[in-house]
Amino acid sequence: MELNPTELKPAINRLKRAQGQLAAVTRMLEEGRDCKDVVTQLAAVSKALDRAGFAIIATGLEQCLAKEDGSMDKADMEKLFLSLA
Protein backbone atom coordinates (compact mmCIF):
# COMPACT_ATOMS: atom_id res chain seq x y z
CA MET A 1 0.00 0.00 0.00
CA GLU A 2 1.42 3.36 -1.03
CA LEU A 3 0.79 6.35 1.20
CA ASN A 4 -0.37 9.75 0.01
CA PRO A 5 2.41 12.29 0.81
CA THR A 6 -0.11 15.13 1.02
CA GLU A 7 -1.98 13.40 3.82
CA LEU A 8 1.29 12.71 5.61
CA LYS A 9 2.53 16.33 5.62
CA PRO A 10 2.16 16.65 9.43
CA ALA A 11 4.10 13.41 9.98
CA ILE A 12 6.80 14.56 7.56
CA ASN A 13 7.10 17.87 9.39
CA ARG A 14 7.33 16.03 12.73
CA LEU A 15 10.13 13.82 11.35
CA LYS A 16 12.04 16.87 10.11
CA ARG A 17 11.70 18.46 13.54
CA ALA A 18 12.92 15.22 15.16
CA GLN A 19 15.88 15.20 12.79
CA GLY A 20 16.85 18.66 14.04
CA GLN A 21 16.41 17.56 17.64
CA LEU A 22 18.61 14.52 17.07
CA ALA A 23 21.32 16.74 15.58
CA ALA A 24 21.06 18.85 18.72
CA VAL A 25 21.53 15.75 20.90
CA THR A 26 24.67 14.83 18.97
CA ARG A 27 25.99 18.38 19.33
CA MET A 28 25.21 18.36 23.05
CA LEU A 29 27.18 15.14 23.52
CA GLU A 30 30.12 16.53 21.55
CA GLU A 31 30.09 19.64 23.74
CA GLY A 32 30.00 17.59 26.94
CA ARG A 33 26.64 18.98 28.08
CA ASP A 34 24.85 17.90 31.24
CA CYS A 35 23.46 14.35 31.19
CA LYS A 36 19.98 15.47 32.28
CA ASP A 37 19.73 17.94 29.39
CA VAL A 38 20.90 15.35 26.86
CA VAL A 39 18.46 12.70 28.09
CA THR A 40 15.58 15.21 28.13
CA GLN A 41 16.29 16.15 24.52
CA LEU A 42 16.70 12.50 23.53
CA ALA A 43 13.30 11.70 25.09
CA ALA A 44 11.75 14.48 23.00
CA VAL A 45 13.25 12.95 19.85
CA SER A 46 11.93 9.53 20.77
CA LYS A 47 8.43 10.86 21.43
CA ALA A 48 8.42 12.77 18.12
CA LEU A 49 9.42 9.62 16.23
CA ASP A 50 6.73 7.58 17.97
CA ARG A 51 4.06 10.15 17.16
CA ALA A 52 5.14 10.31 13.54
CA GLY A 53 5.04 6.52 13.32
CA PHE A 54 1.54 6.37 14.79
CA ALA A 55 0.36 9.10 12.42
CA ILE A 56 1.76 7.18 9.45
CA ILE A 57 0.08 3.96 10.56
CA ALA A 58 -3.22 5.73 11.22
CA THR A 59 -3.14 7.29 7.76
CA GLY A 60 -2.34 3.92 6.23
CA LEU A 61 -5.19 2.29 8.12
CA GLU A 62 -7.59 4.98 6.99
CA GLN A 63 -6.52 4.59 3.37
CA CYS A 64 -6.65 0.82 3.65
CA LEU A 65 -10.21 0.92 4.93
CA ALA A 66 -11.29 3.40 2.27
CA LYS A 67 -9.82 1.46 -0.65
CA GLU A 68 -10.31 -2.08 0.57
CA ASP A 69 -7.74 -3.27 -1.94
CA GLY A 70 -6.77 -6.19 0.27
CA SER A 71 -3.09 -5.25 0.37
CA MET A 72 -3.11 -5.28 4.20
CA ASP A 73 -5.30 -7.23 6.54
CA LYS A 74 -6.06 -6.72 10.23
CA ALA A 75 -3.09 -8.84 11.31
CA ASP A 76 -0.70 -6.78 9.17
CA MET A 77 -1.98 -3.52 10.66
CA GLU A 78 -1.75 -4.91 14.19
CA LYS A 79 1.82 -5.95 13.52
CA LEU A 80 2.66 -2.41 12.40
CA PHE A 81 1.15 -0.89 15.54
CA LEU A 82 3.03 -3.33 17.76
CA SER A 83 6.31 -2.58 16.01
CA LEU A 84 6.18 0.90 17.56
CA ALA A 85 5.40 -0.36 21.07
C-alpha atoms as a PDB file:
ATOM      1  CA  MET A   1       0.000   0.000   0.000  1.00  0.00           C
ATOM      2  CA  GLU A   2       1.424   3.357  -1.033  1.00  0.00           C
ATOM      3  CA  LEU A   3       0.793   6.351   1.196  1.00  0.00           C
ATOM      4  CA  ASN A   4      -0.366   9.749   0.006  1.00  0.00           C
ATOM      5  CA  PRO A   5       2.407  12.289   0.809  1.00  0.00           C
ATOM      6  CA  THR A   6      -0.113  15.133   1.020  1.00  0.00           C
ATOM      7  CA  GLU A   7      -1.984  13.403   3.820  1.00  0.00           C
ATOM      8  CA  LEU A   8       1.291  12.712   5.609  1.00  0.00           C
ATOM      9  CA  LYS A   9       2.530  16.325   5.624  1.00  0.00           C
ATOM     10  CA  PRO A  10       2.159  16.649   9.435  1.00  0.00           C
ATOM     11  CA  ALA A  11       4.105  13.413   9.979  1.00  0.00           C
ATOM     12  CA  ILE A  12       6.797  14.555   7.556  1.00  0.00           C
ATOM     13  CA  ASN A  13       7.099  17.870   9.395  1.00  0.00           C
ATOM     14  CA  ARG A  14       7.330  16.031  12.726  1.00  0.00           C
ATOM     15  CA  LEU A  15      10.129  13.823  11.353  1.00  0.00           C
ATOM     16  CA  LYS A  16      12.043  16.866  10.111  1.00  0.00           C
ATOM     17  CA  ARG A  17      11.703  18.456  13.544  1.00  0.00           C
ATOM     18  CA  ALA A  18      12.923  15.218  15.159  1.00  0.00           C
ATOM     19  CA  GLN A  19      15.882  15.199  12.788  1.00  0.00           C
ATOM     20  CA  GLY A  20      16.848  18.658  14.044  1.00  0.00           C
ATOM     21  CA  GLN A  21      16.405  17.558  17.645  1.00  0.00           C
ATOM     22  CA  LEU A  22      18.607  14.523  17.071  1.00  0.00           C
ATOM     23  CA  ALA A  23      21.317  16.735  15.580  1.00  0.00           C
ATOM     24  CA  ALA A  24      21.062  18.853  18.725  1.00  0.00           C
ATOM     25  CA  VAL A  25      21.535  15.750  20.899  1.00  0.00           C
ATOM     26  CA  THR A  26      24.674  14.830  18.974  1.00  0.00           C
ATOM     27  CA  ARG A  27      25.989  18.380  19.326  1.00  0.00           C
ATOM     28  CA  MET A  28      25.209  18.364  23.054  1.00  0.00           C
ATOM     29  CA  LEU A  29      27.181  15.142  23.515  1.00  0.00           C
ATOM     30  CA  GLU A  30      30.122  16.528  21.545  1.00  0.00           C
ATOM     31  CA  GLU A  31      30.086  19.638  23.736  1.00  0.00           C
ATOM     32  CA  GLY A  32      29.996  17.589  26.944  1.00  0.00           C
ATOM     33  CA  ARG A  33      26.637  18.983  28.078  1.00  0.00           C
ATOM     34  CA  ASP A  34      24.851  17.898  31.240  1.00  0.00           C
ATOM     35  CA  CYS A  35      23.462  14.352  31.193  1.00  0.00           C
ATOM     36  CA  LYS A  36      19.984  15.469  32.276  1.00  0.00           C
ATOM     37  CA  ASP A  37      19.735  17.943  29.393  1.00  0.00           C
ATOM     38  CA  VAL A  38      20.899  15.353  26.865  1.00  0.00           C
ATOM     39  CA  VAL A  39      18.463  12.704  28.086  1.00  0.00           C
ATOM     40  CA  THR A  40      15.583  15.207  28.131  1.00  0.00           C
ATOM     41  CA  GLN A  41      16.295  16.151  24.520  1.00  0.00           C
ATOM     42  CA  LEU A  42      16.695  12.503  23.530  1.00  0.00           C
ATOM     43  CA  ALA A  43      13.305  11.697  25.093  1.00  0.00           C
ATOM     44  CA  ALA A  44      11.751  14.478  23.005  1.00  0.00           C
ATOM     45  CA  VAL A  45      13.246  12.950  19.847  1.00  0.00           C
ATOM     46  CA  SER A  46      11.929   9.525  20.773  1.00  0.00           C
ATOM     47  CA  LYS A  47       8.428  10.864  21.429  1.00  0.00           C
ATOM     48  CA  ALA A  48       8.416  12.771  18.121  1.00  0.00           C
ATOM     49  CA  LEU A  49       9.420   9.624  16.229  1.00  0.00           C
ATOM     50  CA  ASP A  50       6.731   7.579  17.971  1.00  0.00           C
ATOM     51  CA  ARG A  51       4.062  10.150  17.159  1.00  0.00           C
ATOM     52  CA  ALA A  52       5.144  10.308  13.536  1.00  0.00           C
ATOM     53  CA  GLY A  53       5.036   6.521  13.324  1.00  0.00           C
ATOM     54  CA  PHE A  54       1.539   6.366  14.793  1.00  0.00           C
ATOM     55  CA  ALA A  55       0.360   9.096  12.418  1.00  0.00           C
ATOM     56  CA  ILE A  56       1.756   7.185   9.452  1.00  0.00           C
ATOM     57  CA  ILE A  57       0.083   3.955  10.556  1.00  0.00           C
ATOM     58  CA  ALA A  58      -3.220   5.733  11.223  1.00  0.00           C
ATOM     59  CA  THR A  59      -3.137   7.291   7.763  1.00  0.00           C
ATOM     60  CA  GLY A  60      -2.342   3.916   6.230  1.00  0.00           C
ATOM     61  CA  LEU A  61      -5.191   2.291   8.123  1.00  0.00           C
ATOM     62  CA  GLU A  62      -7.586   4.983   6.994  1.00  0.00           C
ATOM     63  CA  GLN A  63      -6.517   4.595   3.366  1.00  0.00           C
ATOM     64  CA  CYS A  64      -6.647   0.822   3.646  1.00  0.00           C
ATOM     65  CA  LEU A  65     -10.212   0.915   4.931  1.00  0.00           C
ATOM     66  CA  ALA A  66     -11.289   3.402   2.274  1.00  0.00           C
ATOM     67  CA  LYS A  67      -9.822   1.459  -0.649  1.00  0.00           C
ATOM     68  CA  GLU A  68     -10.314  -2.082   0.572  1.00  0.00           C
ATOM     69  CA  ASP A  69      -7.744  -3.268  -1.939  1.00  0.00           C
ATOM     70  CA  GLY A  70      -6.773  -6.191   0.271  1.00  0.00           C
ATOM     71  CA  SER A  71      -3.091  -5.253   0.373  1.00  0.00           C
ATOM     72  CA  MET A  72      -3.111  -5.279   4.195  1.00  0.00           C
ATOM     73  CA  ASP A  73      -5.301  -7.232   6.536  1.00  0.00           C
ATOM     74  CA  LYS A  74      -6.058  -6.724  10.227  1.00  0.00           C
ATOM     75  CA  ALA A  75      -3.086  -8.842  11.306  1.00  0.00           C
ATOM     76  CA  ASP A  76      -0.704  -6.775   9.166  1.00  0.00           C
ATOM     77  CA  MET A  77      -1.984  -3.517  10.656  1.00  0.00           C
ATOM     78  CA  GLU A  78      -1.754  -4.912  14.191  1.00  0.00           C
ATOM     79  CA  LYS A  79       1.825  -5.950  13.516  1.00  0.00           C
ATOM     80  CA  LEU A  80       2.657  -2.410  12.395  1.00  0.00           C
ATOM     81  CA  PHE A  81       1.150  -0.892  15.542  1.00  0.00           C
ATOM     82  CA  LEU A  82       3.029  -3.326  17.758  1.00  0.00           C
ATOM     83  CA  SER A  83       6.313  -2.582  16.013  1.00  0.00           C
ATOM     84  CA  LEU A  84       6.179   0.897  17.561  1.00  0.00           C
ATOM     85  CA  ALA A  85       5.403  -0.356  21.070  1.00  0.00           C
END
